[in-house]
Protein backbone atom coordinates (compact mmCIF):
# COMPACT_ATOMS: atom_id res chain seq x y z
CA MET A 1 111.29 77.85 17.54
CA LYS A 2 110.52 74.32 18.69
CA ARG A 3 107.05 73.90 20.13
CA ASP A 4 106.39 72.57 23.59
CA PRO A 5 105.55 68.88 23.25
CA ARG A 6 102.82 69.31 25.86
CA SER A 7 100.91 71.52 23.43
CA ARG A 8 100.98 68.85 20.74
CA ASP A 9 97.57 67.49 19.87
CA CYS A 10 97.76 63.69 19.93
CA GLU A 11 95.33 62.39 17.37
CA ASP A 12 94.96 58.92 18.91
CA LEU A 13 94.75 60.06 22.54
CA TYR A 14 91.15 60.15 23.70
CA LEU A 15 91.83 62.36 26.71
CA PRO A 16 91.21 66.07 26.03
CA ASN A 17 94.11 68.49 26.22
CA LEU A 18 94.05 69.51 29.88
CA CYS A 19 96.77 72.08 29.26
CA GLY A 20 94.22 74.46 27.77
CA ILE A 21 92.43 77.10 29.83
CA ARG A 22 89.01 76.36 28.37
CA THR A 23 89.23 72.66 29.17
CA VAL A 24 90.39 73.31 32.74
CA PHE A 25 87.62 75.88 33.21
CA ALA A 26 85.04 73.33 32.05
CA ALA A 27 86.47 70.79 34.52
CA VAL A 28 86.25 73.33 37.35
CA VAL A 29 82.61 74.14 36.53
CA ILE A 30 81.63 70.46 36.37
CA THR A 31 83.42 69.80 39.65
CA GLN A 32 81.57 72.65 41.32
CA LEU A 33 78.23 71.33 40.09
CA PHE A 34 79.10 67.92 41.52
CA ALA A 35 80.01 69.58 44.83
CA PHE A 36 76.55 71.19 44.90
CA VAL A 37 74.98 67.76 44.41
CA LEU A 38 76.98 66.22 47.25
CA ALA A 39 76.20 69.19 49.52
CA LEU A 40 72.47 68.52 49.09
CA ALA A 41 72.82 65.06 50.62
CA PRO A 42 71.41 64.57 54.15
CA LEU A 43 73.59 66.10 56.86
CA GLU A 44 75.38 63.94 59.40
CA ALA A 45 74.51 64.39 63.05
CA GLY A 46 76.92 66.81 64.71
CA GLY A 47 78.44 67.75 61.36
CA ALA A 48 78.96 71.16 59.84
CA GLY A 49 76.07 73.16 58.34
CA ARG A 50 75.09 72.84 54.75
CA TRP A 51 76.90 75.99 53.57
CA SER A 52 80.02 75.12 55.52
CA ARG A 53 79.86 71.65 54.04
CA LEU A 54 79.54 73.10 50.54
CA GLY A 55 82.59 75.28 51.11
CA LEU A 56 84.67 72.35 52.37
CA LEU A 57 83.54 70.08 49.55
CA SER A 58 84.25 72.74 46.93
CA LEU A 59 87.74 73.43 48.29
CA PHE A 60 88.52 69.72 48.60
CA MET A 61 87.23 68.73 45.15
CA GLN A 62 88.64 71.73 43.30
CA TRP A 63 92.10 71.03 44.64
CA ILE A 64 91.82 67.44 43.39
CA THR A 65 90.54 68.61 39.99
CA LEU A 66 93.19 71.27 39.44
CA PHE A 67 96.03 69.07 40.63
CA SER A 68 94.79 66.18 38.45
CA CYS A 69 94.59 68.45 35.40
CA SER A 70 98.14 69.66 36.05
CA VAL A 71 99.56 66.14 36.37
CA LEU A 72 97.69 64.84 33.31
CA CYS A 73 98.94 67.86 31.37
CA LEU A 74 102.53 67.09 32.36
CA VAL A 75 102.30 63.40 31.43
CA ARG A 76 100.34 64.00 28.20
CA PRO A 77 103.40 63.53 25.91
CA TYR A 78 103.95 60.10 27.48
CA LEU A 79 100.27 59.15 27.30
CA CYS A 80 100.35 59.85 23.58
CA ARG A 81 102.60 56.84 23.12
CA LEU A 82 100.25 54.42 24.91
CA LYS A 83 97.19 52.57 23.73
CA ALA A 84 93.73 53.30 25.09
CA PRO A 85 93.67 50.59 27.84
CA ALA A 86 97.06 51.69 29.15
CA VAL A 87 95.99 55.35 29.05
CA THR A 88 92.90 54.48 31.07
CA ALA A 89 94.92 52.57 33.65
CA VAL A 90 97.48 55.35 34.05
CA ALA A 91 94.84 58.08 34.23
CA MET A 92 92.81 56.13 36.82
CA ALA A 93 95.92 55.49 38.90
CA ILE A 94 96.82 59.19 38.83
CA LEU A 95 93.30 60.31 39.77
CA LEU A 96 93.01 57.81 42.63
CA ALA A 97 96.48 58.61 43.93
CA ILE A 98 95.71 62.33 43.98
CA THR A 99 92.36 61.68 45.67
CA ALA A 100 94.08 59.56 48.33
CA LEU A 101 96.76 62.22 48.84
CA PHE A 102 94.31 65.09 49.41
CA SER A 103 92.02 62.89 51.50
CA GLU A 104 94.92 62.10 53.80
CA LEU A 105 95.97 65.75 54.00
CA THR A 106 92.40 66.81 54.75
CA TYR A 107 92.12 64.27 57.55
CA GLN A 108 95.49 65.08 59.08
CA LEU A 109 95.12 68.87 58.89
CA TYR A 110 91.40 69.29 59.56
CA TYR A 111 89.25 66.37 60.65
CA GLU A 112 91.61 64.84 63.22
CA PRO A 113 92.71 68.03 65.03
CA VAL A 114 89.32 69.82 64.78
CA PHE A 115 86.80 67.00 65.28
CA GLY A 116 89.04 64.32 66.76
CA HIS A 117 87.89 61.57 64.39
CA GLY A 118 89.62 58.26 65.01
CA PRO A 119 91.16 55.63 62.74
CA ASP A 120 87.83 53.94 61.91
CA TRP A 121 86.34 57.18 60.61
CA HIS A 122 89.62 57.86 58.81
CA LEU A 123 89.39 54.57 56.88
CA ARG A 124 85.72 55.14 56.01
CA PHE A 125 86.49 58.66 54.83
CA LEU A 126 89.39 57.50 52.68
CA GLY A 127 87.49 54.50 51.26
CA ARG A 128 84.39 56.56 50.44
CA ASN A 129 86.44 59.18 48.60
CA LEU A 130 88.32 56.55 46.61
CA VAL A 131 85.09 54.78 45.61
CA ILE A 132 83.47 58.05 44.52
CA ALA A 133 86.63 59.04 42.63
CA ALA A 134 86.79 55.65 40.88
CA ILE A 135 83.14 55.80 39.79
CA VAL A 136 83.28 59.40 38.59
CA SER A 137 86.66 58.94 36.89
CA GLY A 138 85.46 55.80 35.14
CA LEU A 139 82.36 57.54 33.82
CA VAL A 140 84.33 60.59 32.67
CA LEU A 141 87.02 58.51 30.95
CA ARG A 142 84.37 56.41 29.26
CA TYR A 143 82.66 59.55 28.02
CA PHE A 144 85.93 60.91 26.59
CA TYR A 145 86.62 57.58 24.87
CA VAL A 146 83.15 57.41 23.29
CA GLN A 147 83.48 61.01 22.11
CA GLN A 148 86.85 60.28 20.54
CA GLN A 149 85.48 57.19 18.75
CA TRP A 150 82.52 59.20 17.48
CA ARG A 151 84.82 61.91 16.13
CA ARG A 152 87.05 59.29 14.52
CA ASN A 153 84.10 57.58 12.81
CA LEU A 154 82.77 60.93 11.64
CA ARG A 155 86.19 61.86 10.28
CA ALA A 156 86.53 58.52 8.49
CA GLU A 157 83.09 58.88 6.94
CA SER A 158 83.83 62.45 5.92
CA GLU A 159 87.14 61.44 4.36
CA ALA A 160 85.42 58.66 2.43
CA ARG A 161 82.82 61.13 1.17
CA LEU A 162 85.54 63.60 0.25
CA GLU A 163 87.46 60.97 -1.67
CA ALA A 164 84.26 60.08 -3.52
CA LEU A 165 83.68 63.76 -4.27
CA GLN A 166 87.28 64.30 -5.31
CA ALA A 167 87.15 61.30 -7.63
CA ARG A 168 83.92 62.57 -9.21
CA ILE A 169 84.50 65.55 -11.46
CA ARG A 170 81.29 65.86 -13.43
CA PRO A 171 81.73 64.09 -16.79
CA HIS A 172 79.99 66.89 -18.68
CA PHE A 173 82.51 69.39 -17.28
CA LEU A 174 85.46 67.20 -18.27
CA PHE A 175 84.14 66.58 -21.79
CA ASN A 176 83.21 70.22 -22.31
CA SER A 177 86.62 71.32 -21.09
CA MET A 178 88.41 68.91 -23.42
CA ASN A 179 86.28 70.02 -26.37
CA THR A 180 87.00 73.66 -25.55
CA ILE A 181 90.73 72.98 -25.33
CA ALA A 182 90.65 71.09 -28.63
CA ALA A 183 88.84 74.00 -30.32
CA LEU A 184 91.38 76.50 -28.98
CA THR A 185 94.45 74.47 -29.86
CA ARG A 186 94.80 76.04 -33.32
CA SER A 187 93.00 79.35 -32.96
CA ALA A 188 94.36 80.35 -29.52
CA PRO A 189 97.13 78.00 -28.38
CA ASP A 190 98.06 80.20 -25.40
CA ARG A 191 94.52 80.05 -24.02
CA ALA A 192 94.41 76.31 -24.67
CA GLU A 193 97.65 75.84 -22.75
CA ALA A 194 96.31 77.90 -19.84
CA ALA A 195 93.12 75.80 -19.82
CA VAL A 196 95.17 72.59 -19.69
CA GLU A 197 97.16 73.94 -16.73
CA ASN A 198 93.98 74.93 -14.90
CA LEU A 199 92.43 71.53 -15.54
CA ALA A 200 95.61 69.85 -14.24
CA ASP A 201 95.41 71.95 -11.06
CA LEU A 202 91.82 70.82 -10.53
CA PHE A 203 92.77 67.17 -10.85
CA ARG A 204 95.79 67.71 -8.60
CA ALA A 205 93.48 69.11 -5.93
CA SER A 206 91.21 66.10 -6.31
CA LEU A 207 94.15 63.86 -5.38
CA SER A 208 95.23 65.86 -2.32
CA ASP A 209 95.09 64.58 1.26
CA ALA A 210 91.47 64.58 2.43
CA ARG A 211 92.54 65.23 6.05
CA ALA A 212 94.63 68.33 5.36
CA LEU A 213 93.54 71.93 5.73
CA ILE A 214 94.70 74.46 3.16
CA PRO A 215 94.77 78.28 3.27
CA LEU A 216 91.62 79.96 2.03
CA GLU A 217 93.70 81.68 -0.66
CA GLU A 218 94.51 78.30 -2.24
CA GLU A 219 90.85 77.26 -2.29
CA LEU A 220 89.89 80.60 -3.87
CA ALA A 221 92.67 80.20 -6.43
CA LEU A 222 91.24 76.78 -7.29
CA CYS A 223 87.84 78.39 -7.80
CA ARG A 224 89.41 80.98 -10.10
CA ARG A 225 90.99 78.27 -12.25
CA TYR A 226 87.69 76.44 -12.46
CA LEU A 227 85.89 79.65 -13.47
CA GLU A 228 88.54 80.42 -16.11
CA ILE A 229 87.83 77.06 -17.74
CA GLU A 230 84.09 77.61 -17.64
CA GLN A 231 84.58 81.14 -18.98
CA LEU A 232 86.11 79.69 -22.13
CA ARG A 233 82.97 77.61 -22.69
CA LEU A 234 80.23 80.01 -21.58
CA GLY A 235 81.83 83.25 -22.73
CA GLU A 236 79.85 86.39 -21.95
CA ARG A 237 77.05 84.34 -20.38
CA LEU A 238 79.25 83.85 -17.31
CA ARG A 239 80.09 86.92 -15.27
CA VAL A 240 81.99 86.72 -11.99
CA GLN A 241 82.10 89.29 -9.23
CA TRP A 242 84.80 88.85 -6.59
CA SER A 243 84.86 90.53 -3.18
CA VAL A 244 87.35 88.58 -1.05
CA ASP A 245 90.18 91.05 -0.40
CA GLY A 246 91.52 91.81 3.07
CA LEU A 247 90.30 88.63 4.77
CA PRO A 248 92.22 87.35 7.83
CA PRO A 249 94.06 84.00 7.61
CA VAL A 250 91.69 81.04 7.44
CA ARG A 251 92.27 77.37 6.75
CA VAL A 252 89.65 75.27 5.00
CA PRO A 253 89.25 71.63 3.89
CA PRO A 254 90.14 71.30 0.19
CA LEU A 255 87.28 71.35 -2.31
CA THR A 256 84.94 73.19 0.05
CA LEU A 257 84.13 76.27 -2.03
CA GLN A 258 84.82 74.86 -5.50
CA PRO A 259 81.78 72.50 -5.41
CA LEU A 260 79.60 75.48 -4.45
CA VAL A 261 80.91 77.44 -7.43
CA GLU A 262 80.37 74.40 -9.64
CA ASN A 263 76.78 74.09 -8.42
CA ALA A 264 76.24 77.81 -9.05
CA ILE A 265 77.18 77.37 -12.70
CA TYR A 266 75.57 73.98 -13.22
CA HIS A 267 72.20 74.81 -11.64
CA GLY A 268 72.17 78.56 -12.26
CA ILE A 269 74.22 80.10 -15.06
CA GLU A 270 74.24 77.15 -17.47
CA THR A 271 70.45 76.85 -17.53
CA ARG A 272 69.79 80.52 -18.36
CA GLY A 273 69.85 81.76 -21.92
CA ASP A 274 71.26 85.11 -20.88
CA GLY A 275 73.58 83.62 -18.29
CA GLY A 276 74.17 85.53 -15.09
CA THR A 277 76.62 86.66 -12.44
CA VAL A 278 78.27 84.43 -9.85
CA GLU A 279 79.11 86.52 -6.78
CA ILE A 280 81.84 85.34 -4.40
CA HIS A 281 81.85 87.56 -1.34
CA GLY A 282 83.98 87.30 1.82
CA GLU A 283 83.13 88.95 5.11
CA ALA A 284 85.31 88.98 8.23
CA GLY A 285 83.81 88.82 11.71
CA PRO A 286 85.47 89.04 15.12
CA ARG A 287 86.53 85.37 15.08
CA THR A 288 85.18 83.99 11.82
CA VAL A 289 85.25 84.53 8.08
CA THR A 290 82.16 83.90 5.97
CA VAL A 291 82.44 83.25 2.23
CA THR A 292 79.20 83.39 0.24
CA VAL A 293 78.66 82.04 -3.27
CA ARG A 294 75.54 83.57 -4.85
CA ASN A 295 74.00 82.85 -8.26
CA PRO A 296 70.70 83.63 -10.00
CA ARG A 297 68.00 80.97 -10.02
CA GLY A 298 68.13 78.52 -12.88
CA GLY A 299 65.92 78.70 -15.93
CA GLU A 300 62.89 76.56 -16.66
CA ASP A 301 65.06 73.91 -18.34
CA GLY A 302 67.25 73.55 -15.27
CA HIS A 303 69.02 70.45 -14.00
CA GLY A 304 66.74 70.06 -10.97
CA GLN A 305 67.79 70.12 -7.34
CA GLY A 306 70.25 67.23 -7.63
CA ASN A 307 70.95 64.85 -4.77
CA ARG A 308 72.71 67.55 -2.66
CA LEU A 309 75.61 65.16 -2.02
CA ALA A 310 78.15 67.97 -2.25
CA LEU A 311 76.31 70.08 0.37
CA ALA A 312 76.01 67.16 2.79
CA ASN A 313 79.67 66.34 2.25
CA ILE A 314 80.76 69.93 2.97
CA ARG A 315 78.67 70.05 6.15
CA GLN A 316 80.13 66.82 7.51
CA ARG A 317 83.73 67.75 6.71
CA LEU A 318 83.38 71.17 8.31
CA ALA A 319 81.84 69.56 11.41
CA ALA A 320 84.68 67.02 11.56
CA HIS A 321 87.35 69.73 11.43
CA PHE A 322 85.74 72.55 13.41
CA GLY A 323 83.17 70.83 15.63
CA PRO A 324 79.39 71.00 15.55
CA GLY A 325 77.78 74.20 14.35
CA GLU A 326 76.04 75.84 11.43
CA HIS A 327 79.10 76.15 9.21
CA LEU A 328 77.14 75.97 5.93
CA LYS A 329 73.99 78.02 5.43
CA ILE A 330 71.72 77.95 2.39
CA ARG A 331 69.45 80.84 1.46
CA GLU A 332 66.98 80.63 -1.41
CA THR A 333 64.75 83.36 -2.79
CA ALA A 334 62.68 83.71 -5.94
CA ALA A 335 65.59 85.51 -7.61
CA ASP A 336 68.78 83.89 -6.38
CA TYR A 337 70.46 81.09 -4.46
CA ALA A 338 73.25 81.64 -1.91
CA ALA A 339 75.51 79.23 -0.01
CA SER A 340 77.60 80.63 2.86
CA VAL A 341 80.52 78.88 4.55
CA THR A 342 81.65 80.16 7.96
CA LEU A 343 85.21 79.35 9.06
CA PRO A 344 87.12 80.13 12.28
CA VAL A 345 90.01 82.54 11.98
CA ALA A 346 93.34 80.73 12.20
CA ARG A 347 95.30 81.39 15.38
CA GLU A 348 98.93 82.35 15.14
CA ASP A 349 101.40 79.80 16.45
CA PRO A 350 102.96 81.35 19.55
CA GLY A 351 106.02 79.17 19.37
């Protein structure tokens, strides 16, 4: 079924999607807080009491907010085609026009028949509301624009880091894999062919679109291929324990879990004479899925802590896709090292 164009997320549009309930609720709350601020201003002589004034302000401002959100939601598909200055001009014109409309209705239906205010008061009332609306709208639109630029810069930086990470498959892993494949070519050609296919899949993933999200199953399959190659080299020293069945649908940036598995082997298993077990465990919550990669601590001749570039890269990419939050947690003990990635459960497309 074709989706409603109003629900389409325009990447270059800095205005938030005002068709969503959460966004409208946030706008209503902010409007109500602003009404409280205006209600605390000094009272006019002969005017209504403070609580009556708060009720009138709340009703007046909430109608403007809700009607503005509705109109901006309806015109969102057309705003997506415009550049930022034109979007600002159209949005400001809509907000001011709606403010003028409800100001006129309020005067005609309430202030003139109830209080008998004349034309001079009418003009001051209309002008004051338009000035307040212009100032507040300008500040809000500027805030949305700055937020969108910040997210775009963060996404660009994250994509650059991802491309650097994707282009950097550790040389020792590549050389070891090629040596293992060469050794198996005559003794076990089937295993050598499987290793070549797994290595090709790893390189194919490194060339994928940095901005795309892939199903968690694909990322886990990539980890399995990587572990199969390392299993050929490390043999019985590498033991893997999987516990990822029955997880709800989740989408993840590519090469999010594979670097964690690579670190687990490079800093943990490879440095221990007796090897160890890499545990990959998935746990489903009400709205999230957490995947944990755990490995034993490295031996005395370990590779050190490294520069933690992969961890910083994963944190930034998760923040760029899913917003701020503690998406990657690290836990270290005297016995083991664990890295946990928390992902939001994918929502089903209603259309």
